[in-house]
Each structure stands twice: as C-alpha cells, then as structure tokens.
Amino acid sequence: LERLVGDLGTEGSIVVYSSYEKTQLKALAERFPDMLSAVEGIIERLVDFEGVIKKHVSHPLFRGRSSLKVTLPVLVPEYEGKYQGMAVSDGGQASARFNTISQGGLPPLEVERLRQDLLDYCELDTLAMLELHRALAGLAERE
C-alpha cells in the first residue's frame, strides 16, 4: 500500500472504469488505518469513466450495458476483439491470477508467467483507457 500511495503521488486525476478500485481502496483503508488519510486522498482523485459514459453517452450497440468490454469497441473500434485470446482477458481473471500468486507456493517460473499475463492485461487496459479518454474528449468537442 505504501508503494501504491508513493507511486500515485498527491496530484492529478486517477482514471478508473467502475467502482471496483474505490471499493478496494476503502477496504485497504480499513485494514491499514495508519494509511487512511493517504488512501482517502487517492479516492478523492478517482475519475470513473463508466459513470461518465452512463451519464453522458448513449449508443444502441451498448445494448443497455456500460462495461468497458462493451463500450470500448463501440467508441474505439480498433479495440474490437483485442482482449480475445489473451491469457487474462477480464478483471475477474486478473483478480483470480493475482490471488493465486499472493497465496504463494508456486514455482518461480509459474509466478513469472502469471505475473507477465497480468502485466499484459494491465498494459492493454491502460492503453484502452487512454484511447477511451481520447474518444470521450472527441465527443465532448462535438457538443
């Protein structure tokens, strides 16, 4: 947690997609009360793109849904199918892989493979958020 707080610093927005990160941060603050102030500072800086999309963007291809895997390929077509075939292709799988690593007891090569799978997924998710930001900014300019 100390490393996360240090890496995120104290300035600037932190873009997320859904309330998952906020929920996890609140749980960490409860578990580590000495870090409460720092974690609350991070939570205040969260910008939830899912909330922005729910409130301001409508498209028939969303089919009433707002998950990143649904909205991203509609707003950023070049991301259609990018997650398919990845060892980790959604947040649930990412959480499960992280949990497996954190329990320990795996051979080092297996830990490294799972870690790389997570890094690959996180890299794509991060780039997806950047492209989604660009798409939303483009929509805002047209308004």
C-alpha atoms as a PDB file:
ATOM      1  CA  LEU A   1       0.000   0.000   0.000  1.00  0.00           C
ATOM      2  CA  GLU A   2       2.856   2.354   0.781  1.00  0.00           C
ATOM      3  CA  ARG A   3       4.289   1.747  -2.669  1.00  0.00           C
ATOM      4  CA  LEU A   4       0.914   2.412  -4.316  1.00  0.00           C
ATOM      5  CA  VAL A   5       0.490   5.665  -2.392  1.00  0.00           C
ATOM      6  CA  GLY A   6       4.004   6.721  -3.334  1.00  0.00           C
ATOM      7  CA  ASP A   7       3.595   5.807  -6.988  1.00  0.00           C
ATOM      8  CA  LEU A   8       0.289   7.690  -7.300  1.00  0.00           C
ATOM      9  CA  GLY A   9       1.612  10.835  -5.650  1.00  0.00           C
ATOM     10  CA  THR A  10      -0.734  13.549  -4.435  1.00  0.00           C
ATOM     11  CA  GLU A  11      -1.769  15.385  -7.589  1.00  0.00           C
ATOM     12  CA  GLY A  12      -3.735  14.668 -10.733  1.00  0.00           C
ATOM     13  CA  SER A  13      -6.729  12.579 -11.648  1.00  0.00           C
ATOM     14  CA  ILE A  14      -6.690   8.797 -11.451  1.00  0.00           C
ATOM     15  CA  VAL A  15      -8.877   7.337 -14.174  1.00  0.00           C
ATOM     16  CA  VAL A  16     -10.748   4.118 -13.421  1.00  0.00           C
ATOM     17  CA  TYR A  17     -13.603   2.243 -15.017  1.00  0.00           C
ATOM     18  CA  SER A  18     -16.212   1.211 -12.444  1.00  0.00           C
ATOM     19  CA  SER A  19     -16.318   1.413  -8.683  1.00  0.00           C
ATOM     20  CA  TYR A  20     -14.053  -1.612  -8.182  1.00  0.00           C
ATOM     21  CA  GLU A  21     -10.899   0.367  -7.417  1.00  0.00           C
ATOM     22  CA  LYS A  22     -12.746   2.634  -4.988  1.00  0.00           C
ATOM     23  CA  THR A  23     -14.165  -0.387  -3.168  1.00  0.00           C
ATOM     24  CA  GLN A  24     -10.734  -1.992  -2.895  1.00  0.00           C
ATOM     25  CA  LEU A  25      -9.147   1.236  -1.670  1.00  0.00           C
ATOM     26  CA  LYS A  26     -11.798   1.589   1.036  1.00  0.00           C
ATOM     27  CA  ALA A  27     -11.102  -1.976   2.154  1.00  0.00           C
ATOM     28  CA  LEU A  28      -7.374  -1.231   2.312  1.00  0.00           C
ATOM     29  CA  ALA A  29      -8.018   1.911   4.368  1.00  0.00           C
ATOM     30  CA  GLU A  30      -9.962  -0.176   6.880  1.00  0.00           C
ATOM     31  CA  ARG A  31      -7.228  -2.766   7.034  1.00  0.00           C
ATOM     32  CA  PHE A  32      -4.441  -0.168   7.356  1.00  0.00           C
ATOM     33  CA  PRO A  33      -5.890   2.732   9.368  1.00  0.00           C
ATOM     34  CA  ASP A  34      -2.493   4.446   9.543  1.00  0.00           C
ATOM     35  CA  MET A  35      -2.803   4.960   5.763  1.00  0.00           C
ATOM     36  CA  LEU A  36      -6.385   6.283   5.906  1.00  0.00           C
ATOM     37  CA  SER A  37      -5.558   9.885   5.033  1.00  0.00           C
ATOM     38  CA  ALA A  38      -3.386   8.918   2.053  1.00  0.00           C
ATOM     39  CA  VAL A  39      -5.974   6.453   0.736  1.00  0.00           C
ATOM     40  CA  GLU A  40      -8.789   8.988   1.124  1.00  0.00           C
ATOM     41  CA  GLY A  41      -6.677  11.434  -0.896  1.00  0.00           C
ATOM     42  CA  ILE A  42      -6.417   8.865  -3.681  1.00  0.00           C
ATOM     43  CA  ILE A  43     -10.143   8.121  -3.605  1.00  0.00           C
ATOM     44  CA  GLU A  44     -10.929  11.831  -3.969  1.00  0.00           C
ATOM     45  CA  ARG A  45      -8.898  11.901  -7.193  1.00  0.00           C
ATOM     46  CA  LEU A  46     -10.652   8.946  -8.854  1.00  0.00           C
ATOM     47  CA  VAL A  47     -12.494   9.700 -12.096  1.00  0.00           C
ATOM     48  CA  ASP A  48     -14.837   6.880 -13.094  1.00  0.00           C
ATOM     49  CA  PHE A  49     -15.250   6.729 -16.881  1.00  0.00           C
ATOM     50  CA  GLU A  50     -18.107   4.261 -16.537  1.00  0.00           C
ATOM     51  CA  GLY A  51     -20.036   6.916 -14.627  1.00  0.00           C
ATOM     52  CA  VAL A  52     -19.252   9.473 -17.320  1.00  0.00           C
ATOM     53  CA  ILE A  53     -20.479   7.124 -20.034  1.00  0.00           C
ATOM     54  CA  LYS A  54     -23.631   6.164 -18.130  1.00  0.00           C
ATOM     55  CA  LYS A  55     -24.499   9.825 -17.653  1.00  0.00           C
ATOM     56  CA  HIS A  56     -23.462  11.329 -20.986  1.00  0.00           C
ATOM     57  CA  VAL A  57     -23.066   8.714 -23.737  1.00  0.00           C
ATOM     58  CA  SER A  58     -25.710   6.539 -25.339  1.00  0.00           C
ATOM     59  CA  HIS A  59     -25.290   4.166 -28.249  1.00  0.00           C
ATOM     60  CA  PRO A  60     -27.538   1.353 -29.499  1.00  0.00           C
ATOM     61  CA  LEU A  61     -24.585  -1.055 -29.597  1.00  0.00           C
ATOM     62  CA  PHE A  62     -24.181  -0.650 -25.813  1.00  0.00           C
ATOM     63  CA  ARG A  63     -27.442  -2.658 -25.573  1.00  0.00           C
ATOM     64  CA  GLY A  64     -28.183  -1.021 -22.220  1.00  0.00           C
ATOM     65  CA  ARG A  65     -24.831  -2.067 -20.754  1.00  0.00           C
ATOM     66  CA  SER A  66     -21.861   0.019 -19.709  1.00  0.00           C
ATOM     67  CA  SER A  67     -18.939  -2.345 -19.099  1.00  0.00           C
ATOM     68  CA  LEU A  68     -15.585  -1.435 -20.613  1.00  0.00           C
ATOM     69  CA  LYS A  69     -15.606  -4.515 -22.834  1.00  0.00           C
ATOM     70  CA  VAL A  70     -18.956  -3.353 -24.302  1.00  0.00           C
ATOM     71  CA  THR A  71     -18.383   0.397 -24.631  1.00  0.00           C
ATOM     72  CA  LEU A  72     -14.728   0.364 -25.660  1.00  0.00           C
ATOM     73  CA  PRO A  73     -15.111  -1.330 -29.080  1.00  0.00           C
ATOM     74  CA  VAL A  74     -18.076   0.924 -29.883  1.00  0.00           C
ATOM     75  CA  LEU A  75     -16.249   4.149 -29.023  1.00  0.00           C
ATOM     76  CA  VAL A  76     -12.786   2.935 -30.105  1.00  0.00           C
ATOM     77  CA  PRO A  77     -13.423   0.395 -32.903  1.00  0.00           C
ATOM     78  CA  GLU A  78      -9.781  -0.618 -33.222  1.00  0.00           C
ATOM     79  CA  TYR A  79     -10.132  -2.294 -29.803  1.00  0.00           C
ATOM     80  CA  GLU A  80     -12.747  -4.750 -31.069  1.00  0.00           C
ATOM     81  CA  GLY A  81     -11.539  -8.213 -30.088  1.00  0.00           C
ATOM     82  CA  LYS A  82      -8.218  -7.049 -28.604  1.00  0.00           C
ATOM     83  CA  TYR A  83      -8.791  -8.949 -25.356  1.00  0.00           C
ATOM     84  CA  GLN A  84      -9.716 -12.199 -27.085  1.00  0.00           C
ATOM     85  CA  GLY A  85      -7.042 -14.849 -26.890  1.00  0.00           C
ATOM     86  CA  MET A  86      -5.206 -13.214 -24.002  1.00  0.00           C
ATOM     87  CA  ALA A  87      -4.303 -15.384 -21.022  1.00  0.00           C
ATOM     88  CA  VAL A  88      -6.055 -12.772 -18.856  1.00  0.00           C
ATOM     89  CA  SER A  89      -8.927 -11.108 -20.682  1.00  0.00           C
ATOM     90  CA  ASP A  90     -11.088  -9.583 -17.942  1.00  0.00           C
ATOM     91  CA  GLY A  91     -10.957  -8.217 -14.422  1.00  0.00           C
ATOM     92  CA  GLY A  92     -12.272 -11.392 -12.831  1.00  0.00           C
ATOM     93  CA  GLN A  93      -9.468 -13.428 -14.334  1.00  0.00           C
ATOM     94  CA  ALA A  94      -6.952 -10.768 -13.288  1.00  0.00           C
ATOM     95  CA  SER A  95      -8.168 -10.919  -9.679  1.00  0.00           C
ATOM     96  CA  ALA A  96      -8.003 -14.711  -9.685  1.00  0.00           C
ATOM     97  CA  ARG A  97      -4.442 -14.738 -11.070  1.00  0.00           C
ATOM     98  CA  PHE A  98      -3.319 -12.145  -8.525  1.00  0.00           C
ATOM     99  CA  ASN A  99      -4.894 -14.177  -5.729  1.00  0.00           C
ATOM    100  CA  THR A 100      -3.117 -17.318  -6.940  1.00  0.00           C
ATOM    101  CA  ILE A 101       0.248 -15.545  -6.889  1.00  0.00           C
ATOM    102  CA  SER A 102      -0.354 -13.938  -3.490  1.00  0.00           C
ATOM    103  CA  GLN A 103      -1.134 -17.288  -1.860  1.00  0.00           C
ATOM    104  CA  GLY A 104       2.420 -18.388  -2.571  1.00  0.00           C
ATOM    105  CA  GLY A 105       3.736 -21.886  -3.066  1.00  0.00           C
ATOM    106  CA  LEU A 106       4.061 -21.719  -6.849  1.00  0.00           C
ATOM    107  CA  PRO A 107       7.279 -22.483  -8.696  1.00  0.00           C
ATOM    108  CA  PRO A 108       9.128 -19.286  -9.682  1.00  0.00           C
ATOM    109  CA  LEU A 109       8.569 -19.863 -13.413  1.00  0.00           C
ATOM    110  CA  GLU A 110       4.810 -20.165 -12.866  1.00  0.00           C
ATOM    111  CA  VAL A 111       4.785 -16.977 -10.792  1.00  0.00           C
ATOM    112  CA  GLU A 112       6.652 -15.170 -13.556  1.00  0.00           C
ATOM    113  CA  ARG A 113       4.249 -16.477 -16.228  1.00  0.00           C
ATOM    114  CA  LEU A 114       1.184 -15.378 -14.236  1.00  0.00           C
ATOM    115  CA  ARG A 115       2.820 -12.034 -13.484  1.00  0.00           C
ATOM    116  CA  GLN A 116       3.527 -11.447 -17.175  1.00  0.00           C
ATOM    117  CA  ASP A 117      -0.077 -12.383 -18.048  1.00  0.00           C
ATOM    118  CA  LEU A 118      -1.265  -9.753 -15.563  1.00  0.00           C
ATOM    119  CA  LEU A 119       1.147  -7.139 -16.891  1.00  0.00           C
ATOM    120  CA  ASP A 120      -0.011  -7.788 -20.468  1.00  0.00           C
ATOM    121  CA  TYR A 121      -3.660  -7.402 -19.440  1.00  0.00           C
ATOM    122  CA  CYS A 122      -2.973  -4.262 -17.399  1.00  0.00           C
ATOM    123  CA  GLU A 123      -0.998  -2.724 -20.258  1.00  0.00           C
ATOM    124  CA  LEU A 124      -3.880  -3.243 -22.671  1.00  0.00           C
ATOM    125  CA  ASP A 125      -6.398  -1.940 -20.127  1.00  0.00           C
ATOM    126  CA  THR A 126      -4.262   1.163 -19.553  1.00  0.00           C
ATOM    127  CA  LEU A 127      -3.952   1.843 -23.279  1.00  0.00           C
ATOM    128  CA  ALA A 128      -7.693   1.234 -23.637  1.00  0.00           C
ATOM    129  CA  MET A 129      -8.402   3.882 -21.002  1.00  0.00           C
ATOM    130  CA  LEU A 130      -6.167   6.336 -22.843  1.00  0.00           C
ATOM    131  CA  GLU A 131      -7.978   5.707 -26.121  1.00  0.00           C
ATOM    132  CA  LEU A 132     -11.343   5.897 -24.380  1.00  0.00           C
ATOM    133  CA  HIS A 133     -10.330   9.265 -22.932  1.00  0.00           C
ATOM    134  CA  ARG A 134      -9.459  10.473 -26.416  1.00  0.00           C
ATOM    135  CA  ALA A 135     -12.791   9.223 -27.761  1.00  0.00           C
ATOM    136  CA  LEU A 136     -14.754  10.912 -24.971  1.00  0.00           C
ATOM    137  CA  ALA A 137     -12.824  14.156 -25.461  1.00  0.00           C
ATOM    138  CA  GLY A 138     -13.656  13.979 -29.174  1.00  0.00           C
ATOM    139  CA  LEU A 139     -17.355  13.542 -28.377  1.00  0.00           C
ATOM    140  CA  ALA A 140     -17.223  16.479 -25.953  1.00  0.00           C
ATOM    141  CA  GLU A 141     -15.667  18.710 -28.626  1.00  0.00           C
ATOM    142  CA  ARG A 142     -18.572  17.982 -30.959  1.00  0.00           C
ATOM    143  CA  GLU A 143     -21.122  19.094 -28.346  1.00  0.00           C
END
